[in-house]
């Protein structure tokens, strides 16, 4: 598995930019910790590492949220990946704009429902 990951990194000319960086989006008021921001294939991308059995849709939303928070901090990312490190390496490219838009929609739903519970 480590060899597969190293090969993927090298094939894409990976260069570390940030790792385990705490992020906060001031307008939308959410926070998280991004696994990795790197230059891959000439683009600055968000990489979320997972040990789950597969890539789940929620993982794509998480990368979209990280991209929005990074952009709010002045770091313009151009792409995103979820990399599953289990029984080999599975890489899924994340469509950033739709993932970020879906994340914000679900955040609005979450806050709406939370508000309903707080109202007697």
PDB file of N, CA and C in Angstrom:
ATOM      1  N   UNK A   1       0.818  -1.181   0.000  1.00  0.00           N
ATOM      2  CA  UNK A   1       0.000   0.000   0.000  1.00  0.00           C
ATOM      3  C   UNK A   1       0.874   1.262   0.000  1.00  0.00           C
ATOM      4  N   UNK A   2       1.888   1.313   0.836  1.00  0.00           N
ATOM      5  CA  UNK A   2       2.772   2.481   0.892  1.00  0.00           C
ATOM      6  C   UNK A   2       3.448   2.694  -0.456  1.00  0.00           C
ATOM      7  N   UNK A   3       3.806   1.606  -1.108  1.00  0.00           N
ATOM      8  CA  UNK A   3       4.447   1.709  -2.423  1.00  0.00           C
ATOM      9  C   UNK A   3       3.471   2.284  -3.453  1.00  0.00           C
ATOM     10  N   UNK A   4       2.210   1.838  -3.410  1.00  0.00           N
ATOM     11  CA  UNK A   4       1.196   2.369  -4.328  1.00  0.00           C
ATOM     12  C   UNK A   4       0.984   3.857  -4.107  1.00  0.00           C
ATOM     13  N   UNK A   5       0.922   4.266  -2.841  1.00  0.00           N
ATOM     14  CA  UNK A   5       0.736   5.675  -2.514  1.00  0.00           C
ATOM     15  C   UNK A   5       1.930   6.495  -2.991  1.00  0.00           C
ATOM     16  N   UNK A   6       3.130   5.993  -2.746  1.00  0.00           N
ATOM     17  CA  UNK A   6       4.345   6.690  -3.182  1.00  0.00           C
ATOM     18  C   UNK A   6       4.371   6.811  -4.707  1.00  0.00           C
ATOM     19  N   UNK A   7       3.953   5.775  -5.396  1.00  0.00           N
ATOM     20  CA  UNK A   7       3.935   5.808  -6.862  1.00  0.00           C
ATOM     21  C   UNK A   7       2.940   6.861  -7.363  1.00  0.00           C
ATOM     22  N   UNK A   8       1.735   6.908  -6.753  1.00  0.00           N
ATOM     23  CA  UNK A   8       0.734   7.902  -7.130  1.00  0.00           C
ATOM     24  C   UNK A   8       1.282   9.311  -6.898  1.00  0.00           C
ATOM     25  N   UNK A   9       1.921   9.513  -5.748  1.00  0.00           N
ATOM     26  CA  UNK A   9       2.498  10.817  -5.391  1.00  0.00           C
ATOM     27  C   UNK A   9       3.564  11.231  -6.407  1.00  0.00           C
ATOM     28  N   UNK A  10       4.452  10.320  -6.722  1.00  0.00           N
ATOM     29  CA  UNK A  10       5.542  10.610  -7.667  1.00  0.00           C
ATOM     30  C   UNK A  10       5.023  10.804  -9.085  1.00  0.00           C
ATOM     31  N   UNK A  11       4.070   9.962  -9.491  1.00  0.00           N
ATOM     32  CA  UNK A  11       3.505  10.088 -10.840  1.00  0.00           C
ATOM     33  C   UNK A  11       2.845  11.453 -11.055  1.00  0.00           C
ATOM     34  N   UNK A  12       2.318  12.033  -9.989  1.00  0.00           N
ATOM     35  CA  UNK A  12       1.646  13.329 -10.067  1.00  0.00           C
ATOM     36  C   UNK A  12       2.547  14.484  -9.639  1.00  0.00           C
ATOM     37  N   UNK A  13       3.845  14.198  -9.487  1.00  0.00           N
ATOM     38  CA  UNK A  13       4.832  15.207  -9.099  1.00  0.00           C
ATOM     39  C   UNK A  13       4.398  15.946  -7.823  1.00  0.00           C
ATOM     40  N   UNK A  14       4.030  15.170  -6.805  1.00  0.00           N
ATOM     41  CA  UNK A  14       3.524  15.733  -5.559  1.00  0.00           C
ATOM     42  C   UNK A  14       4.550  16.565  -4.806  1.00  0.00           C
ATOM     43  N   UNK A  15       4.098  17.732  -4.328  1.00  0.00           N
ATOM     44  CA  UNK A  15       4.927  18.602  -3.492  1.00  0.00           C
ATOM     45  C   UNK A  15       4.069  19.103  -2.342  1.00  0.00           C
ATOM     46  N   UNK A  16       4.515  18.841  -1.136  1.00  0.00           N
ATOM     47  CA  UNK A  16       3.796  19.216   0.078  1.00  0.00           C
ATOM     48  C   UNK A  16       3.663  20.733   0.196  1.00  0.00           C
ATOM     49  N   UNK A  17       2.493  21.204   0.606  1.00  0.00           N
ATOM     50  CA  UNK A  17       2.270  22.629   0.860  1.00  0.00           C
ATOM     51  C   UNK A  17       1.866  22.837   2.330  1.00  0.00           C
ATOM     52  N   UNK A  18       0.809  22.158   2.784  1.00  0.00           N
ATOM     53  CA  UNK A  18       0.338  22.207   4.171  1.00  0.00           C
ATOM     54  C   UNK A  18      -0.126  20.827   4.589  1.00  0.00           C
ATOM     55  N   UNK A  19      -0.030  20.517   5.874  1.00  0.00           N
ATOM     56  CA  UNK A  19      -0.623  19.275   6.371  1.00  0.00           C
ATOM     57  C   UNK A  19      -1.123  19.478   7.788  1.00  0.00           C
ATOM     58  N   UNK A  20      -2.225  18.773   8.103  1.00  0.00           N
ATOM     59  CA  UNK A  20      -2.853  18.855   9.424  1.00  0.00           C
ATOM     60  C   UNK A  20      -3.080  20.308   9.844  1.00  0.00           C
ATOM     61  N   UNK A  21      -3.561  21.106   8.902  1.00  0.00           N
ATOM     62  CA  UNK A  21      -3.782  22.528   9.126  1.00  0.00           C
ATOM     63  C   UNK A  21      -5.220  22.764   9.601  1.00  0.00           C
ATOM     64  N   UNK A  22      -5.372  23.468  10.724  1.00  0.00           N
ATOM     65  CA  UNK A  22      -6.700  23.838  11.214  1.00  0.00           C
ATOM     66  C   UNK A  22      -7.260  24.936  10.322  1.00  0.00           C
ATOM     67  N   UNK A  23      -8.524  24.779   9.919  1.00  0.00           N
ATOM     68  CA  UNK A  23      -9.179  25.738   9.044  1.00  0.00           C
ATOM     69  C   UNK A  23     -10.453  26.255   9.694  1.00  0.00           C
ATOM     70  N   UNK A  24     -10.801  27.492   9.380  1.00  0.00           N
ATOM     71  CA  UNK A  24     -12.047  28.084   9.853  1.00  0.00           C
ATOM     72  C   UNK A  24     -12.599  28.967   8.749  1.00  0.00           C
ATOM     73  N   UNK A  25     -13.886  28.827   8.462  1.00  0.00           N
ATOM     74  CA  UNK A  25     -14.526  29.705   7.487  1.00  0.00           C
ATOM     75  C   UNK A  25     -15.309  30.761   8.251  1.00  0.00           C
ATOM     76  N   UNK A  26     -14.862  32.019   8.214  1.00  0.00           N
ATOM     77  CA  UNK A  26     -15.481  33.051   9.044  1.00  0.00           C
ATOM     78  C   UNK A  26     -16.926  33.383   8.668  1.00  0.00           C
ATOM     79  N   UNK A  27     -17.257  33.348   7.399  1.00  0.00           N
ATOM     80  CA  UNK A  27     -18.621  33.677   6.982  1.00  0.00           C
ATOM     81  C   UNK A  27     -19.597  32.551   7.311  1.00  0.00           C
ATOM     82  N   UNK A  28     -19.226  31.335   6.993  1.00  0.00           N
ATOM     83  CA  UNK A  28     -20.128  30.198   7.186  1.00  0.00           C
ATOM     84  C   UNK A  28     -19.973  29.535   8.557  1.00  0.00           C
ATOM     85  N   UNK A  29     -18.955  29.938   9.305  1.00  0.00           N
ATOM     86  CA  UNK A  29     -18.748  29.533  10.687  1.00  0.00           C
ATOM     87  C   UNK A  29     -18.681  28.006  10.881  1.00  0.00           C
ATOM     88  N   UNK A  30     -17.726  27.392  10.229  1.00  0.00           N
ATOM     89  CA  UNK A  30     -17.413  25.985  10.470  1.00  0.00           C
ATOM     90  C   UNK A  30     -15.897  25.846  10.470  1.00  0.00           C
ATOM     91  N   UNK A  31     -15.448  24.772  11.061  1.00  0.00           N
ATOM     92  CA  UNK A  31     -14.004  24.538  11.181  1.00  0.00           C
ATOM     93  C   UNK A  31     -13.700  23.085  10.868  1.00  0.00           C
ATOM     94  N   UNK A  32     -12.436  22.815  10.585  1.00  0.00           N
ATOM     95  CA  UNK A  32     -11.979  21.459  10.322  1.00  0.00           C
ATOM     96  C   UNK A  32     -10.463  21.431  10.269  1.00  0.00           C
ATOM     97  N   UNK A  33      -9.941  20.256  10.045  1.00  0.00           N
ATOM     98  CA  UNK A  33      -8.488  20.089   9.935  1.00  0.00           C
ATOM     99  C   UNK A  33      -8.211  19.310   8.657  1.00  0.00           C
ATOM    100  N   UNK A  34      -7.587  19.985   7.706  1.00  0.00           N
ATOM    101  CA  UNK A  34      -7.303  19.381   6.410  1.00  0.00           C
ATOM    102  C   UNK A  34      -6.077  18.471   6.537  1.00  0.00           C
ATOM    103  N   UNK A  35      -6.154  17.291   5.929  1.00  0.00           N
ATOM    104  CA  UNK A  35      -5.030  16.355   5.975  1.00  0.00           C
ATOM    105  C   UNK A  35      -3.835  16.892   5.205  1.00  0.00           C
ATOM    106  N   UNK A  36      -4.075  17.334   3.970  1.00  0.00           N
ATOM    107  CA  UNK A  36      -2.961  17.700   3.114  1.00  0.00           C
ATOM    108  C   UNK A  36      -3.405  18.689   2.041  1.00  0.00           C
ATOM    109  N   UNK A  37      -2.599  19.709   1.837  1.00  0.00           N
ATOM    110  CA  UNK A  37      -2.716  20.588   0.676  1.00  0.00           C
ATOM    111  C   UNK A  37      -1.381  20.451  -0.043  1.00  0.00           C
ATOM    112  N   UNK A  38      -1.456  20.114  -1.311  1.00  0.00           N
ATOM    113  CA  UNK A  38      -0.229  19.821  -2.059  1.00  0.00           C
ATOM    114  C   UNK A  38      -0.356  20.307  -3.485  1.00  0.00           C
ATOM    115  N   UNK A  39       0.780  20.399  -4.126  1.00  0.00           N
ATOM    116  CA  UNK A  39       0.804  20.678  -5.553  1.00  0.00           C
ATOM    117  C   UNK A  39       0.941  19.315  -6.235  1.00  0.00           C
ATOM    118  N   UNK A  40      -0.081  18.956  -7.009  1.00  0.00           N
ATOM    119  CA  UNK A  40      -0.087  17.688  -7.746  1.00  0.00           C
ATOM    120  C   UNK A  40      -0.360  17.991  -9.210  1.00  0.00           C
ATOM    121  N   UNK A  41       0.482  17.493 -10.064  1.00  0.00           N
ATOM    122  CA  UNK A  41       0.292  17.720 -11.496  1.00  0.00           C
ATOM    123  C   UNK A  41       0.236  19.200 -11.840  1.00  0.00           C
ATOM    124  N   UNK A  42       0.938  20.023 -11.060  1.00  0.00           N
ATOM    125  CA  UNK A  42       0.976  21.457 -11.329  1.00  0.00           C
ATOM    126  C   UNK A  42      -0.173  22.248 -10.730  1.00  0.00           C
ATOM    127  N   UNK A  43      -1.129  21.575 -10.074  1.00  0.00           N
ATOM    128  CA  UNK A  43      -2.270  22.271  -9.467  1.00  0.00           C
ATOM    129  C   UNK A  43      -2.204  22.169  -7.950  1.00  0.00           C
ATOM    130  N   UNK A  44      -2.665  23.204  -7.260  1.00  0.00           N
ATOM    131  CA  UNK A  44      -2.762  23.164  -5.813  1.00  0.00           C
ATOM    132  C   UNK A  44      -4.076  22.475  -5.456  1.00  0.00           C
ATOM    133  N   UNK A  45      -3.981  21.371  -4.695  1.00  0.00           N
ATOM    134  CA  UNK A  45      -5.160  20.550  -4.418  1.00  0.00           C
ATOM    135  C   UNK A  45      -5.267  20.208  -2.933  1.00  0.00           C
ATOM    136  N   UNK A  46      -6.491  19.890  -2.531  1.00  0.00           N
ATOM    137  CA  UNK A  46      -6.783  19.370  -1.197  1.00  0.00           C
ATOM    138  C   UNK A  46      -6.781  17.848  -1.303  1.00  0.00           C
ATOM    139  N   UNK A  47      -6.106  17.185  -0.377  1.00  0.00           N
ATOM    140  CA  UNK A  47      -6.096  15.718  -0.343  1.00  0.00           C
ATOM    141  C   UNK A  47      -6.589  15.286   1.026  1.00  0.00           C
ATOM    142  N   UNK A  48      -7.658  14.502   1.042  1.00  0.00           N
ATOM    143  CA  UNK A  48      -8.200  13.973   2.290  1.00  0.00           C
ATOM    144  C   UNK A  48      -7.901  12.477   2.331  1.00  0.00           C
ATOM    145  N   UNK A  49      -7.168  12.059   3.333  1.00  0.00           N
ATOM    146  CA  UNK A  49      -6.774  10.653   3.477  1.00  0.00           C
ATOM    147  C   UNK A  49      -7.782   9.919   4.341  1.00  0.00           C
ATOM    148  N   UNK A  50      -8.196   8.743   3.904  1.00  0.00           N
ATOM    149  CA  UNK A  50      -9.197   7.950   4.616  1.00  0.00           C
ATOM    150  C   UNK A  50      -8.707   6.518   4.791  1.00  0.00           C
ATOM    151  N   UNK A  51      -9.188   5.889   5.853  1.00  0.00           N
ATOM    152  CA  UNK A  51      -8.911   4.466   6.074  1.00  0.00           C
ATOM    153  C   UNK A  51     -10.199   3.655   6.011  1.00  0.00           C
ATOM    154  N   UNK A  52     -11.255   4.230   5.472  1.00  0.00           N
ATOM    155  CA  UNK A  52     -12.532   3.538   5.335  1.00  0.00           C
ATOM    156  C   UNK A  52     -12.431   2.470   4.243  1.00  0.00           C
ATOM    157  N   UNK A  53     -13.490   1.704   4.086  1.00  0.00           N
ATOM    158  CA  UNK A  53     -13.501   0.638   3.090  1.00  0.00           C
ATOM    159  C   UNK A  53     -13.538   1.173   1.660  1.00  0.00           C
ATOM    160  N   UNK A  54     -14.086   2.379   1.496  1.00  0.00           N
ATOM    161  CA  UNK A  54     -14.221   2.963   0.163  1.00  0.00           C
ATOM    162  C   UNK A  54     -14.418   4.464   0.296  1.00  0.00           C
ATOM    163  N   UNK A  55     -14.527   5.138  -0.843  1.00  0.00           N
ATOM    164  CA  UNK A  55     -14.848   6.559  -0.851  1.00  0.00           C
ATOM    165  C   UNK A  55     -16.365   6.678  -0.713  1.00  0.00           C
ATOM    166  N   UNK A  56     -16.809   7.463   0.245  1.00  0.00           N
ATOM    167  CA  UNK A  56     -18.232   7.716   0.456  1.00  0.00           C
ATOM    168  C   UNK A  56     -18.557   9.146   0.031  1.00  0.00           C
ATOM    169  N   UNK A  57     -19.800   9.420  -0.366  1.00  0.00           N
ATOM    170  CA  UNK A  57     -20.173  10.775  -0.797  1.00  0.00           C
ATOM    171  C   UNK A  57     -19.837  11.853   0.239  1.00  0.00           C
ATOM    172  N   UNK A  58     -19.949  11.520   1.509  1.00  0.00           N
ATOM    173  CA  UNK A  58     -19.640  12.479   2.573  1.00  0.00           C
ATOM    174  C   UNK A  58     -18.193  12.956   2.492  1.00  0.00           C
ATOM    175  N   UNK A  59     -17.314  12.095   2.031  1.00  0.00           N
ATOM    176  CA  UNK A  59     -15.905  12.476   1.894  1.00  0.00           C
ATOM    177  C   UNK A  59     -15.746  13.602   0.866  1.00  0.00           C
ATOM    178  N   UNK A  60     -16.514  13.529  -0.214  1.00  0.00           N
ATOM    179  CA  UNK A  60     -16.445  14.557  -1.242  1.00  0.00           C
ATOM    180  C   UNK A  60     -16.910  15.904  -0.687  1.00  0.00           C
ATOM    181  N   UNK A  61     -17.974  15.869   0.117  1.00  0.00           N
ATOM    182  CA  UNK A  61     -18.481  17.095   0.744  1.00  0.00           C
ATOM    183  C   UNK A  61     -17.436  17.706   1.665  1.00  0.00           C
ATOM    184  N   UNK A  62     -16.737  16.858   2.393  1.00  0.00           N
ATOM    185  CA  UNK A  62     -15.705  17.330   3.318  1.00  0.00           C
ATOM    186  C   UNK A  62     -14.590  18.053   2.557  1.00  0.00           C
ATOM    187  N   UNK A  63     -14.169  17.508   1.439  1.00  0.00           N
ATOM    188  CA  UNK A  63     -13.130  18.156   0.633  1.00  0.00           C
ATOM    189  C   UNK A  63     -13.642  19.492   0.095  1.00  0.00           C
ATOM    190  N   UNK A  64     -14.905  19.533  -0.312  1.00  0.00           N
ATOM    191  CA  UNK A  64     -15.490  20.792  -0.759  1.00  0.00           C
ATOM    192  C   UNK A  64     -15.479  21.838   0.343  1.00  0.00           C
ATOM    193  N   UNK A  65     -15.780  21.423   1.572  1.00  0.00           N
ATOM    194  CA  UNK A  65     -15.761  22.335   2.720  1.00  0.00           C
ATOM    195  C   UNK A  65     -14.345  22.844   2.978  1.00  0.00           C
ATOM    196  N   UNK A  66     -13.365  21.954   2.907  1.00  0.00           N
ATOM    197  CA  UNK A  66     -11.974  22.369   3.093  1.00  0.00           C
ATOM    198  C   UNK A  66     -11.567  23.393   2.032  1.00  0.00           C
ATOM    199  N   UNK A  67     -11.959  23.150   0.792  1.00  0.00           N
ATOM    200  CA  UNK A  67     -11.604  24.065  -0.293  1.00  0.00           C
ATOM    201  C   UNK A  67     -12.188  25.457  -0.050  1.00  0.00           C
ATOM    202  N   UNK A  68     -13.440  25.507   0.393  1.00  0.00           N
ATOM    203  CA  UNK A  68     -14.061  26.805   0.695  1.00  0.00           C
ATOM    204  C   UNK A  68     -13.317  27.528   1.815  1.00  0.00           C
ATOM    205  N   UNK A  69     -12.974  26.799   2.873  1.00  0.00           N
ATOM    206  CA  UNK A  69     -12.270  27.412   4.002  1.00  0.00           C
ATOM    207  C   UNK A  69     -10.881  27.886   3.588  1.00  0.00           C
ATOM    208  N   UNK A  70     -10.199  27.110   2.777  1.00  0.00           N
ATOM    209  CA  UNK A  70      -8.879  27.529   2.286  1.00  0.00           C
ATOM    210  C   UNK A  70      -9.004  28.789   1.438  1.00  0.00           C
ATOM    211  N   UNK A  71     -10.007  28.830   0.572  1.00  0.00           N
ATOM    212  CA  UNK A  71     -10.204  30.014  -0.264  1.00  0.00           C
ATOM    213  C   UNK A  71     -10.507  31.238   0.592  1.00  0.00           C
ATOM    214  N   UNK A  72     -11.251  31.061   1.689  1.00  0.00           N
ATOM    215  CA  UNK A  72     -11.539  32.168   2.602  1.00  0.00           C
ATOM    216  C   UNK A  72     -10.254  32.683   3.265  1.00  0.00           C
ATOM    217  N   UNK A  73      -9.254  31.808   3.375  1.00  0.00           N
ATOM    218  CA  UNK A  73      -7.964  32.192   3.952  1.00  0.00           C
ATOM    219  C   UNK A  73      -6.985  32.691   2.887  1.00  0.00           C
ATOM    220  N   UNK A  74      -7.456  32.799   1.641  1.00  0.00           N
ATOM    221  CA  UNK A  74      -6.613  33.323   0.568  1.00  0.00           C
ATOM    222  C   UNK A  74      -5.792  32.277  -0.154  1.00  0.00           C
ATOM    223  N   UNK A  75      -6.105  30.993   0.051  1.00  0.00           N
ATOM    224  CA  UNK A  75      -5.388  29.915  -0.635  1.00  0.00           C
ATOM    225  C   UNK A  75      -6.328  29.318  -1.676  1.00  0.00           C
ATOM    226  N   UNK A  76      -6.077  29.627  -2.936  1.00  0.00           N
ATOM    227  CA  UNK A  76      -6.953  29.182  -4.014  1.00  0.00           C
ATOM    228  C   UNK A  76      -6.553  27.790  -4.483  1.00  0.00           C
ATOM    229  N   UNK A  77      -7.325  26.793  -4.061  1.00  0.00           N
ATOM    230  CA  UNK A  77      -7.061  25.423  -4.516  1.00  0.00           C
ATOM    231  C   UNK A  77      -7.799  25.184  -5.828  1.00  0.00           C
ATOM    232  N   UNK A  78      -7.217  24.331  -6.641  1.00  0.00           N
ATOM    233  CA  UNK A  78      -7.749  24.081  -7.980  1.00  0.00           C
ATOM    234  C   UNK A  78      -8.333  22.681  -8.143  1.00  0.00           C
ATOM    235  N   UNK A  79      -8.248  21.872  -7.110  1.00  0.00           N
ATOM    236  CA  UNK A  79      -8.762  20.519  -7.220  1.00  0.00           C
ATOM    237  C   UNK A  79      -8.773  19.839  -5.873  1.00  0.00           C
ATOM    238  N   UNK A  80      -9.325  18.641  -5.860  1.00  0.00           N
ATOM    239  CA  UNK A  80      -9.382  17.886  -4.620  1.00  0.00           C
ATOM    240  C   UNK A  80      -9.421  16.397  -4.875  1.00  0.00           C
ATOM    241  N   UNK A  81      -8.927  15.653  -3.888  1.00  0.00           N
ATOM    242  CA  UNK A  81      -8.900  14.194  -3.976  1.00  0.00           C
ATOM    243  C   UNK A  81      -9.236  13.588  -2.625  1.00  0.00           C
ATOM    244  N   UNK A  82      -9.899  12.451  -2.670  1.00  0.00           N
ATOM    245  CA  UNK A  82     -10.035  11.583  -1.509  1.00  0.00           C
ATOM    246  C   UNK A  82      -9.175  10.372  -1.821  1.00  0.00           C
ATOM    247  N   UNK A  83      -8.288  10.034  -0.890  1.00  0.00           N
ATOM    248  CA  UNK A  83      -7.400   8.893  -1.078  1.00  0.00           C
ATOM    249  C   UNK A  83      -7.681   7.900   0.046  1.00  0.00           C
ATOM    250  N   UNK A  84      -8.198   6.733  -0.324  1.00  0.00           N
ATOM    251  CA  UNK A  84      -8.498   5.675   0.641  1.00  0.00           C
ATOM    252  C   UNK A  84      -7.288   4.756   0.737  1.00  0.00           C
ATOM    253  N   UNK A  85      -6.807   4.589   1.962  1.00  0.00           N
ATOM    254  CA  UNK A  85      -5.614   3.771   2.219  1.00  0.00           C
ATOM    255  C   UNK A  85      -6.026   2.477   2.904  1.00  0.00           C
ATOM    256  N   UNK A  86      -6.641   1.598   2.167  1.00  0.00           N
ATOM    257  CA  UNK A  86      -7.074   0.320   2.711  1.00  0.00           C
ATOM    258  C   UNK A  86      -7.109  -0.690   1.575  1.00  0.00           C
ATOM    259  N   UNK A  87      -6.416  -1.795   1.766  1.00  0.00           N
ATOM    260  CA  UNK A  87      -6.347  -2.810   0.713  1.00  0.00           C
ATOM    261  C   UNK A  87      -5.915  -2.179  -0.599  1.00  0.00           C
ATOM    262  N   UNK A  88      -4.808  -1.495  -0.560  1.00  0.00           N
ATOM    263  CA  UNK A  88      -4.325  -0.772  -1.726  1.00  0.00           C
ATOM    264  C   UNK A  88      -4.672   0.697  -1.585  1.00  0.00           C
ATOM    265  N   UNK A  89      -4.555   1.413  -2.664  1.00  0.00           N
ATOM    266  CA  UNK A  89      -4.834   2.850  -2.668  1.00  0.00           C
ATOM    267  C   UNK A  89      -5.931   3.117  -3.682  1.00  0.00           C
ATOM    268  N   UNK A  90      -6.993   3.765  -3.228  1.00  0.00           N
ATOM    269  CA  UNK A  90      -8.090   4.159  -4.105  1.00  0.00           C
ATOM    270  C   UNK A  90      -8.129   5.684  -4.111  1.00  0.00           C
ATOM    271  N   UNK A  91      -8.083   6.277  -5.300  1.00  0.00           N
ATOM    272  CA  UNK A  91      -8.064   7.735  -5.437  1.00  0.00           C
ATOM    273  C   UNK A  91      -9.324   8.178  -6.172  1.00  0.00           C
ATOM    274  N   UNK A  92     -10.040   9.138  -5.572  1.00  0.00           N
ATOM    275  CA  UNK A  92     -11.225   9.703  -6.218  1.00  0.00           C
ATOM    276  C   UNK A  92     -11.033  11.210  -6.348  1.00  0.00           C
ATOM    277  N   UNK A  93     -11.159  11.708  -7.557  1.00  0.00           N
ATOM    278  CA  UNK A  93     -11.081  13.152  -7.764  1.00  0.00           C
ATOM    279  C   UNK A  93     -12.414  13.774  -7.357  1.00  0.00           C
ATOM    280  N   UNK A  94     -12.349  14.911  -6.697  1.00  0.00           N
ATOM    281  CA  UNK A  94     -13.537  15.584  -6.180  1.00  0.00           C
ATOM    282  C   UNK A  94     -13.871  16.773  -7.085  1.00  0.00           C
ATOM    283  N   UNK A  95     -15.110  16.833  -7.592  1.00  0.00           N
ATOM    284  CA  UNK A  95     -15.530  18.030  -8.327  1.00  0.00           C
ATOM    285  C   UNK A  95     -15.776  19.142  -7.303  1.00  0.00           C
ATOM    286  N   UNK A  96     -14.790  20.021  -7.139  1.00  0.00           N
ATOM    287  CA  UNK A  96     -14.795  20.976  -6.025  1.00  0.00           C
ATOM    288  C   UNK A  96     -16.021  21.872  -5.962  1.00  0.00           C
ATOM    289  N   UNK A  97     -16.362  22.510  -7.049  1.00  0.00           N
ATOM    290  CA  UNK A  97     -17.464  23.469  -6.998  1.00  0.00           C
ATOM    291  C   UNK A  97     -18.787  22.814  -6.606  1.00  0.00           C
ATOM    292  N   UNK A  98     -19.191  21.714  -7.258  1.00  0.00           N
ATOM    293  CA  UNK A  98     -20.439  21.068  -6.838  1.00  0.00           C
ATOM    294  C   UNK A  98     -20.371  20.517  -5.404  1.00  0.00           C
ATOM    295  N   UNK A  99     -19.202  20.010  -5.000  1.00  0.00           N
ATOM    296  CA  UNK A  99     -19.061  19.474  -3.639  1.00  0.00           C
ATOM    297  C   UNK A  99     -19.185  20.590  -2.603  1.00  0.00           C
ATOM    298  N   UNK A 100     -18.575  21.735  -2.877  1.00  0.00           N
ATOM    299  CA  UNK A 100     -18.657  22.872  -1.961  1.00  0.00           C
ATOM    300  C   UNK A 100     -20.091  23.397  -1.885  1.00  0.00           C
ATOM    301  N   UNK A 101     -20.744  23.485  -3.032  1.00  0.00           N
ATOM    302  CA  UNK A 101     -22.131  23.958  -3.074  1.00  0.00           C
ATOM    303  C   UNK A 101     -23.050  23.007  -2.299  1.00  0.00           C
ATOM    304  N   UNK A 102     -22.860  21.714  -2.485  1.00  0.00           N
ATOM    305  CA  UNK A 102     -23.678  20.727  -1.759  1.00  0.00           C
ATOM    306  C   UNK A 102     -23.408  20.808  -0.263  1.00  0.00           C
ATOM    307  N   UNK A 103     -22.143  20.976   0.118  1.00  0.00           N
ATOM    308  CA  UNK A 103     -21.812  21.107   1.537  1.00  0.00           C
ATOM    309  C   UNK A 103     -22.553  22.290   2.154  1.00  0.00           C
ATOM    310  N   UNK A 104     -22.507  23.454   1.492  1.00  0.00           N
ATOM    311  CA  UNK A 104     -23.184  24.633   2.034  1.00  0.00           C
ATOM    312  C   UNK A 104     -24.697  24.420   2.133  1.00  0.00           C
ATOM    313  N   UNK A 105     -25.270  23.718   1.165  1.00  0.00           N
ATOM    314  CA  UNK A 105     -26.698  23.405   1.224  1.00  0.00           C
ATOM    315  C   UNK A 105     -27.027  22.530   2.419  1.00  0.00           C
ATOM    316  N   UNK A 106     -26.211  21.520   2.645  1.00  0.00           N
ATOM    317  CA  UNK A 106     -26.453  20.626   3.788  1.00  0.00           C
ATOM    318  C   UNK A 106     -26.181  21.330   5.111  1.00  0.00           C
ATOM    319  N   UNK A 107     -25.221  22.237   5.133  1.00  0.00           N
ATOM    320  CA  UNK A 107     -24.960  23.017   6.340  1.00  0.00           C
ATOM    321  C   UNK A 107     -26.190  23.867   6.675  1.00  0.00           C
ATOM    322  N   UNK A 108     -26.810  24.462   5.660  1.00  0.00           N
ATOM    323  CA  UNK A 108     -28.027  25.250   5.872  1.00  0.00           C
ATOM    324  C   UNK A 108     -29.157  24.375   6.398  1.00  0.00           C
ATOM    325  N   UNK A 109     -29.321  23.184   5.851  1.00  0.00           N
ATOM    326  CA  UNK A 109     -30.351  22.250   6.327  1.00  0.00           C
ATOM    327  C   UNK A 109     -30.072  21.863   7.775  1.00  0.00           C
ATOM    328  N   UNK A 110     -28.832  21.540   8.078  1.00  0.00           N
ATOM    329  CA  UNK A 110     -28.448  21.161   9.442  1.00  0.00           C
ATOM    330  C   UNK A 110     -28.801  22.275  10.425  1.00  0.00           C
ATOM    331  N   UNK A 111     -28.446  23.490  10.084  1.00  0.00           N
ATOM    332  CA  UNK A 111     -28.714  24.623  10.987  1.00  0.00           C
ATOM    333  C   UNK A 111     -30.207  24.887  11.116  1.00  0.00           C
ATOM    334  N   UNK A 112     -30.967  24.718  10.037  1.00  0.00           N
ATOM    335  CA  UNK A 112     -32.411  24.877  10.094  1.00  0.00           C
ATOM    336  C   UNK A 112     -33.030  23.857  11.042  1.00  0.00           C
ATOM    337  N   UNK A 113     -32.653  22.593  10.878  1.00  0.00           N
ATOM    338  CA  UNK A 113     -33.199  21.540  11.740  1.00  0.00           C
ATOM    339  C   UNK A 113     -32.777  21.726  13.191  1.00  0.00           C
ATOM    340  N   UNK A 114     -31.570  22.147  13.408  1.00  0.00           N
ATOM    341  CA  UNK A 114     -31.085  22.408  14.765  1.00  0.00           C
ATOM    342  C   UNK A 114     -31.902  23.538  15.398  1.00  0.00           C
ATOM    343  N   UNK A 115     -32.221  24.541  14.612  1.00  0.00           N
ATOM    344  CA  UNK A 115     -33.052  25.652  15.096  1.00  0.00           C
ATOM    345  C   UNK A 115     -34.443  25.216  15.466  1.00  0.00           C
ATOM    346  N   UNK A 116     -34.999  24.268  14.723  1.00  0.00           N
ATOM    347  CA  UNK A 116     -36.326  23.739  15.048  1.00  0.00           C
ATOM    348  C   UNK A 116     -36.323  23.026  16.402  1.00  0.00           C
ATOM    349  N   UNK A 117     -35.273  22.286  16.671  1.00  0.00           N
ATOM    350  CA  UNK A 117     -35.168  21.561  17.933  1.00  0.00           C
ATOM    351  C   UNK A 117     -35.023  22.519  19.115  1.00  0.00           C
ATOM    352  N   UNK A 118     -34.412  23.671  18.871  1.00  0.00           N
ATOM    353  CA  UNK A 118     -34.190  24.639  19.953  1.00  0.00           C
ATOM    354  C   UNK A 118     -35.463  25.436  20.261  1.00  0.00           C
ATOM    355  N   UNK A 119     -36.409  25.446  19.317  1.00  0.00           N
ATOM    356  CA  UNK A 119     -37.652  26.201  19.499  1.00  0.00           C
ATOM    357  C   UNK A 119     -38.686  25.307  20.188  1.00  0.00           C
ATOM    358  N   UNK A 120     -39.260  25.791  21.324  1.00  0.00           N
ATOM    359  CA  UNK A 120     -40.265  24.952  22.026  1.00  0.00           C
ATOM    360  C   UNK A 120     -41.564  24.836  21.266  1.00  0.00           C
TER     361      UNK A 120
END
